[in-house]
Amino acid sequence: MNDHGMEDIKKFRTALHRLMASDDGKIVAEGLNRMYVEQSALGDNELQTAYRLGQKEFVQGILADAAKELTF
């Protein structure tokens, strides 16, 4: 990855961390956790289950990244 791409990642992660640390961000994080992480990913068919698992994985990744301090 070039320096420009790495700089974009740093900016994004810094903004994400600040946003989710705010009062509004905490409300959003709680809602995302309740609506996507804590809910069952099992659907009526394999495609729906795969879609829900993807949502859950994405939200968990965003919340985990938001909680971590940048160390680069």
PDB file of N, CA and C in Angstrom:
ATOM      1  N   MET A   1       0.854  -1.182   0.000  1.00  0.00           N
ATOM      2  CA  MET A   1       0.000   0.000   0.000  1.00  0.00           C
ATOM      3  C   MET A   1       0.894   1.236   0.000  1.00  0.00           C
ATOM      4  N   ASN A   2       0.531   2.207  -0.815  1.00  0.00           N
ATOM      5  CA  ASN A   2       1.346   3.421  -0.883  1.00  0.00           C
ATOM      6  C   ASN A   2       1.076   4.318   0.322  1.00  0.00           C
ATOM      7  N   ASP A   3       1.918   5.346   0.474  1.00  0.00           N
ATOM      8  CA  ASP A   3       1.797   6.252   1.621  1.00  0.00           C
ATOM      9  C   ASP A   3       0.455   6.978   1.646  1.00  0.00           C
ATOM     10  N   HIS A   4      -0.065   7.301   0.477  1.00  0.00           N
ATOM     11  CA  HIS A   4      -1.351   8.008   0.402  1.00  0.00           C
ATOM     12  C   HIS A   4      -2.463   7.109   0.936  1.00  0.00           C
ATOM     13  N   GLY A   5      -2.458   5.842   0.547  1.00  0.00           N
ATOM     14  CA  GLY A   5      -3.466   4.902   1.024  1.00  0.00           C
ATOM     15  C   GLY A   5      -3.389   4.701   2.527  1.00  0.00           C
ATOM     16  N   MET A   6      -2.175   4.628   3.045  1.00  0.00           N
ATOM     17  CA  MET A   6      -1.988   4.451   4.483  1.00  0.00           C
ATOM     18  C   MET A   6      -2.461   5.697   5.232  1.00  0.00           C
ATOM     19  N   GLU A   7      -2.232   6.847   4.668  1.00  0.00           N
ATOM     20  CA  GLU A   7      -2.686   8.096   5.285  1.00  0.00           C
ATOM     21  C   GLU A   7      -4.210   8.150   5.330  1.00  0.00           C
ATOM     22  N   ASP A   8      -4.862   7.684   4.266  1.00  0.00           N
ATOM     23  CA  ASP A   8      -6.326   7.637   4.239  1.00  0.00           C
ATOM     24  C   ASP A   8      -6.862   6.705   5.330  1.00  0.00           C
ATOM     25  N   ILE A   9      -6.219   5.572   5.519  1.00  0.00           N
ATOM     26  CA  ILE A   9      -6.632   4.625   6.556  1.00  0.00           C
ATOM     27  C   ILE A   9      -6.474   5.261   7.932  1.00  0.00           C
ATOM     28  N   LYS A  10      -5.365   5.943   8.154  1.00  0.00           N
ATOM     29  CA  LYS A  10      -5.147   6.611   9.442  1.00  0.00           C
ATOM     30  C   LYS A  10      -6.224   7.654   9.707  1.00  0.00           C
ATOM     31  N   LYS A  11      -6.552   8.453   8.692  1.00  0.00           N
ATOM     32  CA  LYS A  11      -7.587   9.485   8.838  1.00  0.00           C
ATOM     33  C   LYS A  11      -8.937   8.850   9.155  1.00  0.00           C
ATOM     34  N   PHE A  12      -9.273   7.793   8.410  1.00  0.00           N
ATOM     35  CA  PHE A  12     -10.548   7.119   8.623  1.00  0.00           C
ATOM     36  C   PHE A  12     -10.629   6.537  10.026  1.00  0.00           C
ATOM     37  N   ARG A  13      -9.604   5.814  10.442  1.00  0.00           N
ATOM     38  CA  ARG A  13      -9.621   5.160  11.753  1.00  0.00           C
ATOM     39  C   ARG A  13      -9.641   6.176  12.885  1.00  0.00           C
ATOM     40  N   THR A  14      -8.916   7.278  12.728  1.00  0.00           N
ATOM     41  CA  THR A  14      -8.918   8.336  13.739  1.00  0.00           C
ATOM     42  C   THR A  14     -10.308   8.955  13.856  1.00  0.00           C
ATOM     43  N   ALA A  15     -10.923   9.253  12.715  1.00  0.00           N
ATOM     44  CA  ALA A  15     -12.269   9.839  12.715  1.00  0.00           C
ATOM     45  C   ALA A  15     -13.286   8.859  13.292  1.00  0.00           C
ATOM     46  N   LEU A  16     -13.176   7.586  12.937  1.00  0.00           N
ATOM     47  CA  LEU A  16     -14.080   6.568  13.455  1.00  0.00           C
ATOM     48  C   LEU A  16     -13.969   6.460  14.973  1.00  0.00           C
ATOM     49  N   HIS A  17     -12.750   6.459  15.467  1.00  0.00           N
ATOM     50  CA  HIS A  17     -12.522   6.361  16.914  1.00  0.00           C
ATOM     51  C   HIS A  17     -13.125   7.569  17.639  1.00  0.00           C
ATOM     52  N   ARG A  18     -12.877   8.774  17.122  1.00  0.00           N
ATOM     53  CA  ARG A  18     -13.427   9.990  17.742  1.00  0.00           C
ATOM     54  C   ARG A  18     -14.953   9.993  17.701  1.00  0.00           C
ATOM     55  N   LEU A  19     -15.501   9.635  16.544  1.00  0.00           N
ATOM     56  CA  LEU A  19     -16.953   9.617  16.376  1.00  0.00           C
ATOM     57  C   LEU A  19     -17.608   8.659  17.360  1.00  0.00           C
ATOM     58  N   MET A  20     -17.108   7.446  17.458  1.00  0.00           N
ATOM     59  CA  MET A  20     -17.733   6.437  18.305  1.00  0.00           C
ATOM     60  C   MET A  20     -17.470   6.693  19.788  1.00  0.00           C
ATOM     61  N   ALA A  21     -16.489   7.519  20.106  1.00  0.00           N
ATOM     62  CA  ALA A  21     -16.234   7.879  21.504  1.00  0.00           C
ATOM     63  C   ALA A  21     -17.154   9.009  21.973  1.00  0.00           C
ATOM     64  N   SER A  22     -17.818   9.676  21.035  1.00  0.00           N
ATOM     65  CA  SER A  22     -18.738  10.761  21.399  1.00  0.00           C
ATOM     66  C   SER A  22     -20.018  10.179  21.991  1.00  0.00           C
ATOM     67  N   ASP A  23     -20.813  11.023  22.608  1.00  0.00           N
ATOM     68  CA  ASP A  23     -22.091  10.569  23.174  1.00  0.00           C
ATOM     69  C   ASP A  23     -22.994   9.979  22.093  1.00  0.00           C
ATOM     70  N   ASP A  24     -23.087  10.652  20.949  1.00  0.00           N
ATOM     71  CA  ASP A  24     -23.905  10.127  19.850  1.00  0.00           C
ATOM     72  C   ASP A  24     -23.329   8.816  19.324  1.00  0.00           C
ATOM     73  N   GLY A  25     -22.024   8.732  19.242  1.00  0.00           N
ATOM     74  CA  GLY A  25     -21.379   7.510  18.772  1.00  0.00           C
ATOM     75  C   GLY A  25     -21.665   6.325  19.678  1.00  0.00           C
ATOM     76  N   LYS A  26     -21.717   6.582  20.965  1.00  0.00           N
ATOM     77  CA  LYS A  26     -22.041   5.509  21.918  1.00  0.00           C
ATOM     78  C   LYS A  26     -23.465   5.004  21.705  1.00  0.00           C
ATOM     79  N   ILE A  27     -24.378   5.912  21.401  1.00  0.00           N
ATOM     80  CA  ILE A  27     -25.761   5.523  21.107  1.00  0.00           C
ATOM     81  C   ILE A  27     -25.800   4.672  19.836  1.00  0.00           C
ATOM     82  N   VAL A  28     -25.073   5.118  18.812  1.00  0.00           N
ATOM     83  CA  VAL A  28     -25.015   4.380  17.550  1.00  0.00           C
ATOM     84  C   VAL A  28     -24.400   2.999  17.773  1.00  0.00           C
ATOM     85  N   ALA A  29     -23.303   2.932  18.521  1.00  0.00           N
ATOM     86  CA  ALA A  29     -22.632   1.651  18.780  1.00  0.00           C
ATOM     87  C   ALA A  29     -23.558   0.689  19.514  1.00  0.00           C
ATOM     88  N   GLU A  30     -24.281   1.197  20.502  1.00  0.00           N
ATOM     89  CA  GLU A  30     -25.228   0.350  21.240  1.00  0.00           C
ATOM     90  C   GLU A  30     -26.326  -0.167  20.316  1.00  0.00           C
ATOM     91  N   GLY A  31     -26.826   0.697  19.450  1.00  0.00           N
ATOM     92  CA  GLY A  31     -27.870   0.290  18.498  1.00  0.00           C
ATOM     93  C   GLY A  31     -27.365  -0.741  17.505  1.00  0.00           C
ATOM     94  N   LEU A  32     -26.188  -0.514  16.954  1.00  0.00           N
ATOM     95  CA  LEU A  32     -25.617  -1.476  16.012  1.00  0.00           C
ATOM     96  C   LEU A  32     -25.398  -2.828  16.684  1.00  0.00           C
ATOM     97  N   ASN A  33     -24.896  -2.777  17.893  1.00  0.00           N
ATOM     98  CA  ASN A  33     -24.655  -4.013  18.628  1.00  0.00           C
ATOM     99  C   ASN A  33     -25.969  -4.758  18.873  1.00  0.00           C
ATOM    100  N   ARG A  34     -26.974  -4.043  19.299  1.00  0.00           N
ATOM    101  CA  ARG A  34     -28.272  -4.652  19.598  1.00  0.00           C
ATOM    102  C   ARG A  34     -28.948  -5.182  18.329  1.00  0.00           C
ATOM    103  N   MET A  35     -28.898  -4.414  17.239  1.00  0.00           N
ATOM    104  CA  MET A  35     -29.631  -4.777  16.021  1.00  0.00           C
ATOM    105  C   MET A  35     -28.925  -5.806  15.149  1.00  0.00           C
ATOM    106  N   TYR A  36     -27.580  -5.818  15.177  1.00  0.00           N
ATOM    107  CA  TYR A  36     -26.851  -6.687  14.257  1.00  0.00           C
ATOM    108  C   TYR A  36     -25.989  -7.747  14.934  1.00  0.00           C
ATOM    109  N   VAL A  37     -25.368  -7.423  16.041  1.00  0.00           N
ATOM    110  CA  VAL A  37     -24.435  -8.355  16.670  1.00  0.00           C
ATOM    111  C   VAL A  37     -25.162  -9.332  17.579  1.00  0.00           C
ATOM    112  N   GLU A  38     -26.058  -8.830  18.411  1.00  0.00           N
ATOM    113  CA  GLU A  38     -26.739  -9.679  19.382  1.00  0.00           C
ATOM    114  C   GLU A  38     -27.862 -10.513  18.762  1.00  0.00           C
ATOM    115  N   GLN A  39     -28.340 -10.120  17.600  1.00  0.00           N
ATOM    116  CA  GLN A  39     -29.420 -10.860  16.935  1.00  0.00           C
ATOM    117  C   GLN A  39     -28.881 -12.121  16.270  1.00  0.00           C
ATOM    118  N   SER A  40     -29.717 -13.127  16.177  1.00  0.00           N
ATOM    119  CA  SER A  40     -29.345 -14.361  15.486  1.00  0.00           C
ATOM    120  C   SER A  40     -29.146 -14.070  14.003  1.00  0.00           C
ATOM    121  N   ALA A  41     -28.173 -14.717  13.414  1.00  0.00           N
ATOM    122  CA  ALA A  41     -27.917 -14.565  11.986  1.00  0.00           C
ATOM    123  C   ALA A  41     -28.645 -15.619  11.165  1.00  0.00           C
ATOM    124  N   LEU A  42     -29.319 -16.536  11.818  1.00  0.00           N
ATOM    125  CA  LEU A  42     -30.026 -17.582  11.094  1.00  0.00           C
ATOM    126  C   LEU A  42     -31.235 -17.006  10.374  1.00  0.00           C
ATOM    127  N   GLY A  43     -31.323 -17.330   9.090  1.00  0.00           N
ATOM    128  CA  GLY A  43     -32.439 -16.862   8.286  1.00  0.00           C
ATOM    129  C   GLY A  43     -33.293 -18.015   7.812  1.00  0.00           C
ATOM    130  N   ASP A  44     -34.220 -17.722   6.926  1.00  0.00           N
ATOM    131  CA  ASP A  44     -35.120 -18.747   6.390  1.00  0.00           C
ATOM    132  C   ASP A  44     -34.441 -19.651   5.366  1.00  0.00           C
ATOM    133  N   ASN A  45     -33.312 -19.165   4.821  1.00  0.00           N
ATOM    134  CA  ASN A  45     -32.577 -19.970   3.841  1.00  0.00           C
ATOM    135  C   ASN A  45     -31.088 -19.630   3.937  1.00  0.00           C
ATOM    136  N   GLU A  46     -30.273 -20.364   3.192  1.00  0.00           N
ATOM    137  CA  GLU A  46     -28.819 -20.183   3.265  1.00  0.00           C
ATOM    138  C   GLU A  46     -28.384 -18.786   2.836  1.00  0.00           C
ATOM    139  N   LEU A  47     -29.014 -18.259   1.813  1.00  0.00           N
ATOM    140  CA  LEU A  47     -28.641 -16.934   1.309  1.00  0.00           C
ATOM    141  C   LEU A  47     -28.919 -15.855   2.353  1.00  0.00           C
ATOM    142  N   GLN A  48     -30.067 -15.932   2.983  1.00  0.00           N
ATOM    143  CA  GLN A  48     -30.413 -14.952   4.024  1.00  0.00           C
ATOM    144  C   GLN A  48     -29.465 -15.085   5.218  1.00  0.00           C
ATOM    145  N   THR A  49     -29.131 -16.303   5.594  1.00  0.00           N
ATOM    146  CA  THR A  49     -28.192 -16.518   6.697  1.00  0.00           C
ATOM    147  C   THR A  49     -26.817 -15.958   6.353  1.00  0.00           C
ATOM    148  N   ALA A  50     -26.345 -16.208   5.139  1.00  0.00           N
ATOM    149  CA  ALA A  50     -25.042 -15.689   4.713  1.00  0.00           C
ATOM    150  C   ALA A  50     -25.037 -14.161   4.733  1.00  0.00           C
ATOM    151  N   TYR A  51     -26.117 -13.545   4.276  1.00  0.00           N
ATOM    152  CA  TYR A  51     -26.236 -12.086   4.263  1.00  0.00           C
ATOM    153  C   TYR A  51     -26.170 -11.547   5.689  1.00  0.00           C
ATOM    154  N   ARG A  52     -26.937 -12.151   6.592  1.00  0.00           N
ATOM    155  CA  ARG A  52     -26.946 -11.692   7.980  1.00  0.00           C
ATOM    156  C   ARG A  52     -25.598 -11.901   8.660  1.00  0.00           C
ATOM    157  N   LEU A  53     -24.930 -13.009   8.343  1.00  0.00           N
ATOM    158  CA  LEU A  53     -23.589 -13.235   8.904  1.00  0.00           C
ATOM    159  C   LEU A  53     -22.613 -12.170   8.412  1.00  0.00           C
ATOM    160  N   GLY A  54     -22.749 -11.789   7.147  1.00  0.00           N
ATOM    161  CA  GLY A  54     -21.912 -10.723   6.598  1.00  0.00           C
ATOM    162  C   GLY A  54     -22.162  -9.392   7.293  1.00  0.00           C
ATOM    163  N   GLN A  55     -23.418  -9.069   7.531  1.00  0.00           N
ATOM    164  CA  GLN A  55     -23.758  -7.845   8.256  1.00  0.00           C
ATOM    165  C   GLN A  55     -23.145  -7.864   9.646  1.00  0.00           C
ATOM    166  N   LYS A  56     -23.327  -8.988  10.333  1.00  0.00           N
ATOM    167  CA  LYS A  56     -22.835  -9.118  11.701  1.00  0.00           C
ATOM    168  C   LYS A  56     -21.319  -8.948  11.725  1.00  0.00           C
ATOM    169  N   GLU A  57     -20.625  -9.608  10.804  1.00  0.00           N
ATOM    170  CA  GLU A  57     -19.169  -9.539  10.739  1.00  0.00           C
ATOM    171  C   GLU A  57     -18.695  -8.110  10.454  1.00  0.00           C
ATOM    172  N   PHE A  58     -19.371  -7.434   9.529  1.00  0.00           N
ATOM    173  CA  PHE A  58     -19.008  -6.062   9.189  1.00  0.00           C
ATOM    174  C   PHE A  58     -19.177  -5.136  10.386  1.00  0.00           C
ATOM    175  N   VAL A  59     -20.316  -5.220  11.049  1.00  0.00           N
ATOM    176  CA  VAL A  59     -20.591  -4.354  12.198  1.00  0.00           C
ATOM    177  C   VAL A  59     -19.610  -4.647  13.330  1.00  0.00           C
ATOM    178  N   GLN A  60     -19.336  -5.924  13.590  1.00  0.00           N
ATOM    179  CA  GLN A  60     -18.369  -6.274  14.628  1.00  0.00           C
ATOM    180  C   GLN A  60     -16.999  -5.687  14.306  1.00  0.00           C
ATOM    181  N   GLY A  61     -16.598  -5.722  13.039  1.00  0.00           N
ATOM    182  CA  GLY A  61     -15.307  -5.156  12.629  1.00  0.00           C
ATOM    183  C   GLY A  61     -15.257  -3.655  12.831  1.00  0.00           C
ATOM    184  N   ILE A  62     -16.315  -2.972  12.440  1.00  0.00           N
ATOM    185  CA  ILE A  62     -16.372  -1.512  12.619  1.00  0.00           C
ATOM    186  C   ILE A  62     -16.302  -1.154  14.100  1.00  0.00           C
ATOM    187  N   LEU A  63     -17.078  -1.858  14.926  1.00  0.00           N
ATOM    188  CA  LEU A  63     -17.074  -1.567  16.360  1.00  0.00           C
ATOM    189  C   LEU A  63     -15.719  -1.879  16.988  1.00  0.00           C
ATOM    190  N   ALA A  64     -15.085  -2.949  16.554  1.00  0.00           N
ATOM    191  CA  ALA A  64     -13.758  -3.289  17.083  1.00  0.00           C
ATOM    192  C   ALA A  64     -12.724  -2.244  16.671  1.00  0.00           C
ATOM    193  N   ASP A  65     -12.761  -1.822  15.409  1.00  0.00           N
ATOM    194  CA  ASP A  65     -11.827  -0.787  14.944  1.00  0.00           C
ATOM    195  C   ASP A  65     -12.059   0.524  15.683  1.00  0.00           C
ATOM    196  N   ALA A  66     -13.316   0.850  15.944  1.00  0.00           N
ATOM    197  CA  ALA A  66     -13.629   2.114  16.635  1.00  0.00           C
ATOM    198  C   ALA A  66     -13.119   2.111  18.059  1.00  0.00           C
ATOM    199  N   ALA A  67     -13.067   0.945  18.670  1.00  0.00           N
ATOM    200  CA  ALA A  67     -12.653   0.846  20.065  1.00  0.00           C
ATOM    201  C   ALA A  67     -11.137   0.864  20.248  1.00  0.00           C
ATOM    202  N   LYS A  68     -10.397   0.574  19.178  1.00  0.00           N
ATOM    203  CA  LYS A  68      -8.934   0.479  19.285  1.00  0.00           C
ATOM    204  C   LYS A  68      -8.259   1.831  19.049  1.00  0.00           C
ATOM    205  N   GLU A  69      -7.249   2.088  19.846  1.00  0.00           N
ATOM    206  CA  GLU A  69      -6.391   3.248  19.596  1.00  0.00           C
ATOM    207  C   GLU A  69      -5.463   2.913  18.436  1.00  0.00           C
ATOM    208  N   LEU A  70      -5.203   3.866  17.596  1.00  0.00           N
ATOM    209  CA  LEU A  70      -4.269   3.638  16.488  1.00  0.00           C
ATOM    210  C   LEU A  70      -2.861   3.487  17.011  1.00  0.00           C
ATOM    211  N   THR A  71      -2.154   2.531  16.465  1.00  0.00           N
ATOM    212  CA  THR A  71      -0.775   2.313  16.904  1.00  0.00           C
ATOM    213  C   THR A  71       0.215   2.377  15.756  1.00  0.00           C
ATOM    214  N   PHE A  72      -0.190   2.920  14.583  1.00  0.00           N
ATOM    215  CA  PHE A  72       0.773   2.991  13.523  1.00  0.00           C
ATOM    216  C   PHE A  72       1.597   4.219  13.644  1.00  0.00           C
TER     217      PHE A  72
END
